[in-house]
C-alpha atoms as a PDB file:
ATOM      1  CA  ARG A   1      -9.435 -10.639  14.566  1.00  0.00           C
ATOM      2  CA  GLN A   2     -11.095  -7.280  12.853  1.00  0.00           C
ATOM      3  CA  MET A   3      -9.448  -5.453  10.005  1.00  0.00           C
ATOM      4  CA  CYS A   4      -6.734  -3.467  10.544  1.00  0.00           C
ATOM      5  CA  ILE A   5      -5.713  -1.674   7.439  1.00  0.00           C
ATOM      6  CA  ARG A   6      -2.625  -0.444   9.467  1.00  0.00           C
ATOM      7  CA  ASP A   7      -1.132  -4.396  10.005  1.00  0.00           C
ATOM      8  CA  SER A   8       2.882  -4.323   9.488  1.00  0.00           C
ATOM      9  CA  VAL A   9       5.427  -6.941   9.142  1.00  0.00           C
ATOM     10  CA  CYS A  10       9.251  -6.749  10.982  1.00  0.00           C
ATOM     11  CA  ILE A  11      11.344  -9.784   9.418  1.00  0.00           C
ATOM     12  CA  ASP A  12      15.124 -10.214  10.946  1.00  0.00           C
ATOM     13  CA  ASP A  13      17.341 -13.277  11.578  1.00  0.00           C
ATOM     14  CA  GLU A  14      18.005 -12.100  14.935  1.00  0.00           C
ATOM     15  CA  PRO A  15      15.005 -12.832  17.860  1.00  0.00           C
ATOM     16  CA  THR A  16      16.157  -9.259  19.579  1.00  0.00           C
ATOM     17  CA  VAL A  17      16.109  -7.455  16.495  1.00  0.00           C
ATOM     18  CA  ILE A  18      12.754  -8.414  15.845  1.00  0.00           C
ATOM     19  CA  ASP A  19      11.374  -7.807  19.659  1.00  0.00           C
ATOM     20  CA  SER A  20      13.410  -4.474  19.477  1.00  0.00           C
ATOM     21  CA  LEU A  21      11.665  -3.163  16.456  1.00  0.00           C
ATOM     22  CA  LYS A  22       8.109  -4.766  17.920  1.00  0.00           C
ATOM     23  CA  ILE A  23       8.945  -2.290  20.759  1.00  0.00           C
ATOM     24  CA  GLU A  24       9.492   0.344  18.808  1.00  0.00           C
ATOM     25  CA  LEU A  25       6.754  -0.126  15.991  1.00  0.00           C
ATOM     26  CA  ARG A  26       4.248   0.007  18.952  1.00  0.00           C
ATOM     27  CA  ARG A  27       5.033   2.849  19.770  1.00  0.00           C
ATOM     28  CA  ALA A  28       5.257   4.811  17.225  1.00  0.00           C
ATOM     29  CA  VAL A  29       1.794   3.313  16.166  1.00  0.00           C
ATOM     30  CA  GLY A  30      -0.273   2.224  19.117  1.00  0.00           C
ATOM     31  CA  ASP A  31      -2.181  -0.749  20.341  1.00  0.00           C
ATOM     32  CA  ASP A  32      -4.444  -0.161  16.937  1.00  0.00           C
ATOM     33  CA  CYS A  33      -2.414  -1.748  14.802  1.00  0.00           C
ATOM     34  CA  ILE A  34      -1.537  -5.601  13.858  1.00  0.00           C
ATOM     35  CA  ILE A  35       2.165  -6.315  13.858  1.00  0.00           C
ATOM     36  CA  GLU A  36       3.437  -9.084  12.859  1.00  0.00           C
ATOM     37  CA  THR A  37       6.838 -11.064  12.573  1.00  0.00           C
ATOM     38  CA  ALA A  38       8.531 -13.092  10.325  1.00  0.00           C
ATOM     39  CA  GLU A  39      12.638 -14.868  11.081  1.00  0.00           C
ATOM     40  CA  GLY A  40      13.582 -14.827   7.664  1.00  0.00           C
ATOM     41  CA  GLY A  41      12.598 -13.964   3.855  1.00  0.00           C
ATOM     42  CA  LYS A  42      10.785 -17.512   3.303  1.00  0.00           C
ATOM     43  CA  ASP A  43       8.279 -16.824   6.272  1.00  0.00           C
ATOM     44  CA  ALA A  44       7.659 -13.544   5.277  1.00  0.00           C
ATOM     45  CA  LEU A  45       6.597 -14.166   2.402  1.00  0.00           C
ATOM     46  CA  GLU A  46       4.062 -16.638   3.340  1.00  0.00           C
ATOM     47  CA  LEU A  47       2.789 -14.906   6.554  1.00  0.00           C
ATOM     48  CA  VAL A  48       2.201 -11.851   3.610  1.00  0.00           C
ATOM     49  CA  GLU A  49       0.462 -14.249   1.207  1.00  0.00           C
ATOM     50  CA  GLU A  50      -1.803 -15.574   4.542  1.00  0.00           C
ATOM     51  CA  LEU A  51      -2.647 -11.907   5.744  1.00  0.00           C
ATOM     52  CA  LEU A  52      -3.304 -11.266   2.074  1.00  0.00           C
ATOM     53  CA  LYS A  53      -5.544 -14.073   1.922  1.00  0.00           C
ATOM     54  CA  ASP A  54      -7.026 -13.488   4.952  1.00  0.00           C
ATOM     55  CA  GLY A  55      -8.135 -10.065   3.562  1.00  0.00           C
ATOM     56  CA  LEU A  56      -6.260  -7.788   5.864  1.00  0.00           C
ATOM     57  CA  GLU A  57      -4.026  -5.179   4.108  1.00  0.00           C
ATOM     58  CA  VAL A  58      -0.173  -4.896   5.014  1.00  0.00           C
ATOM     59  CA  ALA A  59       0.613  -1.383   5.111  1.00  0.00           C
ATOM     60  CA  VAL A  60       4.548  -1.325   6.167  1.00  0.00           C
ATOM     61  CA  VAL A  61       7.091  -3.927   5.805  1.00  0.00           C
ATOM     62  CA  LEU A  62      10.372  -3.564   7.761  1.00  0.00           C
ATOM     63  CA  SER A  63      13.021  -6.261   6.663  1.00  0.00           C
ATOM     64  CA  ASP A  64      16.325  -6.813   7.697  1.00  0.00           C
ATOM     65  CA  TYR A  65      18.976  -6.809   4.233  1.00  0.00           C
ATOM     66  CA  ILE A  66      21.414  -9.706   4.916  1.00  0.00           C
ATOM     67  CA  MET A  67      19.187 -12.944   6.192  1.00  0.00           C
ATOM     68  CA  PRO A  68      20.263 -16.634   5.472  1.00  0.00           C
ATOM     69  CA  ASP A  69      17.677 -17.848   3.112  1.00  0.00           C
ATOM     70  CA  ILE A  70      16.185 -15.069   1.025  1.00  0.00           C
ATOM     71  CA  LYS A  71      18.010 -10.916   0.604  1.00  0.00           C
ATOM     72  CA  GLY A  72      15.962  -8.383   2.098  1.00  0.00           C
ATOM     73  CA  ASP A  73      15.920  -6.810  -1.136  1.00  0.00           C
ATOM     74  CA  GLU A  74      14.295 -10.031  -2.816  1.00  0.00           C
ATOM     75  CA  VAL A  75      11.855 -10.467  -0.002  1.00  0.00           C
ATOM     76  CA  LEU A  76      10.915  -6.809  -0.311  1.00  0.00           C
ATOM     77  CA  THR A  77      10.372  -6.446  -4.293  1.00  0.00           C
ATOM     78  CA  ARG A  78       8.339 -10.468  -4.109  1.00  0.00           C
ATOM     79  CA  ILE A  79       5.850  -8.602  -1.120  1.00  0.00           C
ATOM     80  CA  HIS A  80       6.076  -5.797  -3.656  1.00  0.00           C
ATOM     81  CA  ASN A  81       4.568  -7.922  -6.442  1.00  0.00           C
ATOM     82  CA  MET A  82       2.157  -9.457  -4.474  1.00  0.00           C
ATOM     83  CA  SER A  83       0.556  -6.161  -2.559  1.00  0.00           C
ATOM     84  CA  PRO A  84       1.906  -2.809  -4.497  1.00  0.00           C
ATOM     85  CA  ASN A  85       1.008  -0.411  -2.140  1.00  0.00           C
ATOM     86  CA  THR A  86       2.443  -1.783   0.869  1.00  0.00           C
ATOM     87  CA  LEU A  87       5.247   0.644   1.878  1.00  0.00           C
ATOM     88  CA  THR A  88       8.975  -0.871   2.329  1.00  0.00           C
ATOM     89  CA  ILE A  89      11.646   0.022   4.311  1.00  0.00           C
ATOM     90  CA  MET A  90      14.638  -1.827   4.430  1.00  0.00           C
ATOM     91  CA  LEU A  91      17.175  -2.002   7.406  1.00  0.00           C
ATOM     92  CA  THR A  92      20.780  -2.863   7.310  1.00  0.00           C
ATOM     93  CA  GLY A  93      24.177  -2.907   9.299  1.00  0.00           C
ATOM     94  CA  GLN A  94      25.807  -3.138   5.544  1.00  0.00           C
ATOM     95  CA  ALA A  95      25.339  -1.114   2.834  1.00  0.00           C
ATOM     96  CA  ASP A  96      24.974  -2.208  -0.288  1.00  0.00           C
ATOM     97  CA  ILE A  97      24.314   0.297  -2.922  1.00  0.00           C
ATOM     98  CA  GLU A  98      22.867  -2.174  -5.297  1.00  0.00           C
ATOM     99  CA  ALA A  99      20.625  -3.823  -3.137  1.00  0.00           C
ATOM    100  CA  VAL A 100      19.247  -0.493  -1.618  1.00  0.00           C
ATOM    101  CA  GLY A 101      18.982   0.488  -5.460  1.00  0.00           C
ATOM    102  CA  GLN A 102      17.607  -2.561  -6.359  1.00  0.00           C
ATOM    103  CA  ALA A 103      14.447  -2.204  -3.601  1.00  0.00           C
ATOM    104  CA  ILE A 104      13.892   1.728  -4.731  1.00  0.00           C
ATOM    105  CA  GLN A 105      13.248   0.577  -8.214  1.00  0.00           C
ATOM    106  CA  ASN A 106      11.315  -3.147  -7.646  1.00  0.00           C
ATOM    107  CA  ALA A 107       9.935  -2.919  -4.010  1.00  0.00           C
ATOM    108  CA  ARG A 108       8.357   0.559  -3.838  1.00  0.00           C
ATOM    109  CA  LEU A 109      11.346   0.984  -1.035  1.00  0.00           C
ATOM    110  CA  TYR A 110      10.335   4.160   1.227  1.00  0.00           C
ATOM    111  CA  ARG A 111      13.260   4.317   3.173  1.00  0.00           C
ATOM    112  CA  TYR A 112      16.336   2.862   3.864  1.00  0.00           C
ATOM    113  CA  MET A 113      17.827   2.693   7.364  1.00  0.00           C
ATOM    114  CA  ALA A 114      20.941   2.033   8.462  1.00  0.00           C
ATOM    115  CA  LYS A 115      21.784  -0.461  12.384  1.00  0.00           C
ATOM    116  CA  PRO A 116      21.376   0.479  14.728  1.00  0.00           C
ATOM    117  CA  TRP A 117      18.854   2.752  13.976  1.00  0.00           C
ATOM    118  CA  GLN A 118      17.828   5.508  16.189  1.00  0.00           C
ATOM    119  CA  PRO A 119      14.690   5.051  17.810  1.00  0.00           C
ATOM    120  CA  GLU A 120      13.404   8.351  17.158  1.00  0.00           C
ATOM    121  CA  ASP A 121      13.934   8.291  13.389  1.00  0.00           C
ATOM    122  CA  LEU A 122      12.052   4.770  13.407  1.00  0.00           C
ATOM    123  CA  LYS A 123       9.512   5.879  15.343  1.00  0.00           C
ATOM    124  CA  LEU A 124       9.080   9.243  12.565  1.00  0.00           C
ATOM    125  CA  THR A 125       9.532   6.809   9.409  1.00  0.00           C
ATOM    126  CA  ILE A 126       7.210   4.196  10.793  1.00  0.00           C
ATOM    127  CA  ILE A 127       4.848   7.073  11.564  1.00  0.00           C
ATOM    128  CA  GLU A 128       5.183   8.420   8.319  1.00  0.00           C
ATOM    129  CA  ALA A 129       4.856   5.155   6.289  1.00  0.00           C
ATOM    130  CA  VAL A 130       1.584   4.732   7.455  1.00  0.00           C
ATOM    131  CA  HIS A 131       0.452   8.261   6.956  1.00  0.00           C
ATOM    132  CA  SER A 132       1.679   7.928   3.231  1.00  0.00           C
ATOM    133  CA  TYR A 133       0.177   4.333   2.962  1.00  0.00           C
ATOM    134  CA  LEU A 134      -3.436   5.554   4.194  1.00  0.00           C
ATOM    135  CA  GLN A 135      -3.426   8.756   2.547  1.00  0.00           C
ATOM    136  CA  ASP A 136      -2.706   6.827  -0.440  1.00  0.00           C
ATOM    137  CA  LYS A 137      -4.999   4.677  -0.256  1.00  0.00           C
ATOM    138  CA  LYS A 138      -8.019   7.536   0.639  1.00  0.00           C
ATOM    139  CA  LEU A 139      -6.771   8.635  -2.587  1.00  0.00           C
ATOM    140  CA  THR A 140      -7.128   5.897  -4.446  1.00  0.00           C
ATOM    141  CA  GLU A 141     -10.777   5.954  -2.465  1.00  0.00           C
ATOM    142  CA  GLN A 142     -11.912   9.152  -3.866  1.00  0.00           C
ATOM    143  CA  ASN A 143     -10.138   8.243  -7.372  1.00  0.00           C
ATOM    144  CA  LEU A 144     -13.136   5.908  -7.349  1.00  0.00           C
ATOM    145  CA  LYS A 145     -15.696   7.575  -6.281  1.00  0.00           C
ATOM    146  CA  LEU A 146     -15.237  10.341  -8.661  1.00  0.00           C
ATOM    147  CA  ALA A 147     -14.725   7.722 -11.401  1.00  0.00           C
ATOM    148  CA  SER A 148     -18.179   6.252 -10.348  1.00  0.00           C
ATOM    149  CA  LEU A 149     -19.769   9.804 -10.636  1.00  0.00           C
ATOM    150  CA  ASN A 150     -18.295  10.334 -13.649  1.00  0.00           C
ATOM    151  CA  ALA A 151     -19.471   7.580 -15.515  1.00  0.00           C
ATOM    152  CA  GLU A 152     -22.963   8.342 -13.698  1.00  0.00           C
ATOM    153  CA  LEU A 153     -22.804  11.901 -14.615  1.00  0.00           C
ATOM    154  CA  GLU A 154     -22.323  10.560 -18.465  1.00  0.00           C
ATOM    155  CA  ARG A 155     -25.071   8.504 -18.254  1.00  0.00           C
ATOM    156  CA  LEU A 156     -26.825  11.696 -17.129  1.00  0.00           C
ATOM    157  CA  ILE A 157     -26.315  13.609 -20.306  1.00  0.00           C
ATOM    158  CA  ASN A 158     -26.489  10.817 -22.427  1.00  0.00           C
ATOM    159  CA  GLU A 159     -30.387  10.326 -21.270  1.00  0.00           C
ATOM    160  CA  GLN A 160     -30.299  13.967 -21.757  1.00  0.00           C
ATOM    161  CA  ALA A 161     -29.148  14.205 -25.443  1.00  0.00           C
ATOM    162  CA  GLU A 162     -31.423  11.298 -26.443  1.00  0.00           C
ATOM    163  CA  ILE A 163     -34.806  13.417 -24.993  1.00  0.00           C
ATOM    164  CA  ILE A 164     -33.619  16.195 -26.530  1.00  0.00           C
ATOM    165  CA  ALA A 165     -32.699  14.899 -29.780  1.00  0.00           C
ATOM    166  CA  GLU A 166     -36.665  13.097 -29.807  1.00  0.00           C
ATOM    167  CA  ARG A 167     -38.062  16.329 -29.208  1.00  0.00           C
ATOM    168  CA  THR A 168     -36.014  17.752 -31.397  1.00  0.00           C
ATOM    169  CA  ALA A 169     -37.370  15.552 -33.810  1.00  0.00           C
ATOM    170  CA  GLU A 170     -40.722  15.929 -33.149  1.00  0.00           C
ATOM    171  CA  LEU A 171     -40.699  19.633 -33.363  1.00  0.00           C
ATOM    172  CA  GLU A 172     -39.077  19.593 -36.726  1.00  0.00           C
ATOM    173  CA  LYS A 173     -42.153  17.077 -37.807  1.00  0.00           C
ATOM    174  CA  VAL A 174     -44.533  19.499 -36.241  1.00  0.00           C
ATOM    175  CA  ASN A 175     -42.669  22.209 -37.628  1.00  0.00           C
ATOM    176  CA  ALA A 176     -42.829  20.315 -41.552  1.00  0.00           C
ATOM    177  CA  SER A 177     -46.895  19.684 -41.246  1.00  0.00           C
ATOM    178  CA  LEU A 178     -47.324  23.390 -40.128  1.00  0.00           C
ATOM    179  CA  MET A 179     -45.729  24.312 -43.655  1.00  0.00           C
END
Protein backbone atom coordinates (compact mmCIF):
# COMPACT_ATOMS: atom_id res chain seq x y z
CA ARG A 1 0.00 0.00 0.00
CA GLN A 2 1.06 3.58 -0.54
CA MET A 3 2.71 5.58 2.19
CA CYS A 4 0.06 7.43 4.14
CA ILE A 5 1.39 9.96 6.57
CA ARG A 6 -1.99 10.05 8.22
CA ASP A 7 -2.16 6.52 9.59
CA SER A 8 -4.30 6.52 12.71
CA VAL A 9 -4.68 3.82 15.33
CA CYS A 10 -7.73 3.27 17.55
CA ILE A 11 -7.30 1.17 20.68
CA ASP A 12 -10.20 -0.10 22.77
CA ASP A 13 -11.14 -3.47 24.25
CA GLU A 14 -14.78 -3.06 23.14
CA PRO A 15 -15.40 -3.87 19.44
CA THR A 16 -18.49 -1.61 19.30
CA VAL A 17 -16.42 1.36 20.50
CA ILE A 18 -13.73 0.59 17.91
CA ASP A 19 -16.39 0.46 15.17
CA SER A 20 -17.77 3.82 16.32
CA LEU A 21 -14.29 5.36 16.43
CA LYS A 22 -13.53 4.13 12.91
CA ILE A 23 -16.76 5.69 11.62
CA GLU A 24 -15.99 9.00 13.37
CA LEU A 25 -12.39 9.03 12.10
CA ARG A 26 -13.50 8.25 8.56
CA ARG A 27 -15.90 11.21 8.75
CA ALA A 28 -13.11 13.44 10.04
CA VAL A 29 -10.26 12.52 7.71
CA GLY A 30 -11.89 10.89 4.71
CA ASP A 31 -10.74 7.94 2.67
CA ASP A 32 -7.14 8.99 2.07
CA CYS A 33 -6.23 7.95 5.59
CA ILE A 34 -5.57 4.46 6.82
CA ILE A 35 -7.28 3.70 10.11
CA GLU A 36 -5.92 0.72 12.04
CA THR A 37 -7.51 -0.81 15.12
CA ALA A 38 -6.32 -2.82 18.09
CA GLU A 39 -8.39 -4.50 20.79
CA GLY A 40 -5.95 -3.90 23.60
CA GLY A 41 -2.65 -2.37 24.57
CA LYS A 42 -0.46 -5.33 23.65
CA ASP A 43 -2.03 -5.59 20.17
CA ALA A 44 -1.64 -1.84 19.71
CA LEU A 45 2.06 -1.87 20.57
CA GLU A 46 2.69 -4.73 18.12
CA LEU A 47 0.64 -2.93 15.44
CA VAL A 48 2.47 0.39 15.81
CA GLU A 49 5.83 -1.38 15.83
CA GLU A 50 4.87 -3.19 12.60
CA LEU A 51 3.64 0.03 10.92
CA LEU A 52 6.85 1.84 11.81
CA LYS A 53 8.94 -1.10 10.59
CA ASP A 54 7.05 -0.89 7.27
CA GLY A 55 8.09 2.76 6.98
CA LEU A 56 4.64 4.14 7.74
CA GLU A 57 4.08 7.10 10.00
CA VAL A 58 1.41 7.08 12.66
CA ALA A 59 -0.04 10.56 13.01
CA VAL A 60 -2.63 9.98 15.73
CA VAL A 61 -3.40 7.28 18.28
CA LEU A 62 -6.69 7.22 20.18
CA SER A 63 -6.68 4.93 23.18
CA ASP A 64 -9.11 3.91 25.84
CA TYR A 65 -7.73 4.22 29.37
CA ILE A 66 -9.20 1.13 31.06
CA MET A 67 -8.19 -2.04 29.22
CA PRO A 68 -7.62 -5.54 30.59
CA ASP A 69 -3.97 -5.95 29.58
CA ILE A 70 -2.17 -2.56 29.72
CA LYS A 71 -3.69 0.75 30.81
CA GLY A 72 -4.03 3.50 28.20
CA ASP A 73 -1.49 5.90 29.70
CA GLU A 74 1.19 3.16 29.64
CA VAL A 75 0.32 2.19 26.04
CA LEU A 76 0.49 5.82 24.91
CA THR A 77 3.82 6.32 26.70
CA ARG A 78 5.31 3.26 24.98
CA ILE A 79 3.97 4.40 21.60
CA HIS A 80 5.47 7.84 22.21
CA ASN A 81 8.84 6.20 22.91
CA MET A 82 8.60 4.32 19.57
CA SER A 83 7.26 7.28 17.60
CA PRO A 84 7.85 10.63 19.35
CA ASN A 85 5.98 12.69 16.73
CA THR A 86 2.75 10.70 17.03
CA LEU A 87 -0.01 12.65 18.75
CA THR A 88 -2.08 10.78 21.31
CA ILE A 89 -5.66 11.12 22.51
CA MET A 90 -6.95 9.30 25.58
CA LEU A 91 -10.63 8.35 25.87
CA THR A 92 -12.18 7.17 29.08
CA GLY A 93 -15.37 7.01 31.05
CA GLN A 94 -13.41 6.88 34.30
CA ALA A 95 -11.27 9.95 34.70
CA ASP A 96 -8.03 9.30 36.54
CA ILE A 97 -6.32 12.69 36.73
CA GLU A 98 -3.00 11.07 37.66
CA ALA A 99 -3.10 8.89 34.52
CA VAL A 100 -3.98 11.91 32.39
CA GLY A 101 -1.03 13.75 33.95
CA GLN A 102 1.26 10.78 33.21
CA ALA A 103 0.12 10.73 29.59
CA ILE A 104 0.58 14.49 29.22
CA GLN A 105 4.08 14.24 30.65
CA ASN A 106 5.24 11.02 28.97
CA ALA A 107 3.14 10.43 25.86
CA ARG A 108 2.70 13.79 24.13
CA LEU A 109 -0.98 13.68 25.01
CA TYR A 110 -2.77 15.94 22.57
CA ARG A 111 -6.15 15.70 24.26
CA TYR A 112 -8.08 13.83 26.91
CA MET A 113 -11.73 13.12 26.07
CA ALA A 114 -14.46 11.70 28.27
CA LYS A 115 -16.67 8.86 27.10
CA PRO A 116 -19.22 9.07 25.71
CA TRP A 117 -17.67 11.65 23.39
CA GLN A 118 -19.55 14.19 21.33
CA PRO A 119 -19.15 13.19 17.65
CA GLU A 120 -18.51 16.77 16.46
CA ASP A 121 -15.93 17.32 19.23
CA LEU A 122 -14.12 14.09 18.33
CA LYS A 123 -14.19 14.99 14.63
CA LEU A 124 -12.72 18.46 15.26
CA THR A 125 -10.11 17.01 17.63
CA ILE A 126 -8.97 14.47 15.03
CA ILE A 127 -8.85 17.07 12.24
CA GLU A 128 -6.82 19.41 14.44
CA ALA A 129 -4.49 16.62 15.61
CA VAL A 130 -3.76 15.50 12.04
CA HIS A 131 -3.30 19.13 11.00
CA SER A 132 -0.92 19.70 13.91
CA TYR A 133 1.00 16.53 13.03
CA LEU A 134 1.36 17.65 9.40
CA GLN A 135 2.43 21.17 10.45
CA ASP A 136 5.10 19.74 12.77
CA LYS A 137 6.30 17.47 9.96
CA LYS A 138 6.45 20.39 7.51
CA LEU A 139 8.33 22.51 10.05
CA THR A 140 10.85 19.73 10.63
CA GLU A 141 11.39 19.36 6.87
CA GLN A 142 11.85 23.12 6.47
CA ASN A 143 14.33 23.19 9.37
CA LEU A 144 16.33 20.40 7.73
CA LYS A 145 16.36 22.33 4.43
CA LEU A 146 17.48 25.47 6.26
CA ALA A 147 20.25 23.57 8.04
CA SER A 148 21.39 22.17 4.70
CA LEU A 149 21.33 25.64 3.09
CA ASN A 150 23.24 27.08 6.06
CA ALA A 151 25.89 24.37 5.73
CA GLU A 152 26.23 25.11 2.00
CA LEU A 153 26.46 28.86 2.68
CA GLU A 154 29.12 28.26 5.32
CA ARG A 155 31.09 26.09 2.85
CA LEU A 156 30.91 28.85 0.21
CA ILE A 157 31.97 31.53 2.71
CA ASN A 158 34.95 29.42 3.79
CA GLU A 159 35.86 28.77 0.15
CA GLN A 160 35.72 32.52 -0.61
CA ALA A 161 37.71 33.32 2.53
CA GLU A 162 40.47 30.94 1.35
CA ILE A 163 40.52 32.55 -2.10
CA ILE A 164 40.69 36.04 -0.51
CA ALA A 165 43.49 34.91 1.83
CA GLU A 166 45.46 33.45 -1.12
CA ARG A 167 45.00 36.60 -3.22
CA THR A 168 45.92 38.83 -0.27
CA ALA A 169 49.09 36.79 0.25
CA GLU A 170 49.92 37.09 -3.48
CA LEU A 171 49.33 40.86 -3.39
CA GLU A 172 51.49 41.22 -0.28
CA LYS A 173 54.30 39.33 -2.07
CA VAL A 174 53.99 41.56 -5.14
CA ASN A 175 53.92 44.67 -2.94
CA ALA A 176 56.99 43.47 -1.04
CA SER A 177 58.90 42.86 -4.30
CA LEU A 178 58.00 46.37 -5.51
CA MET A 179 59.53 48.04 -2.47
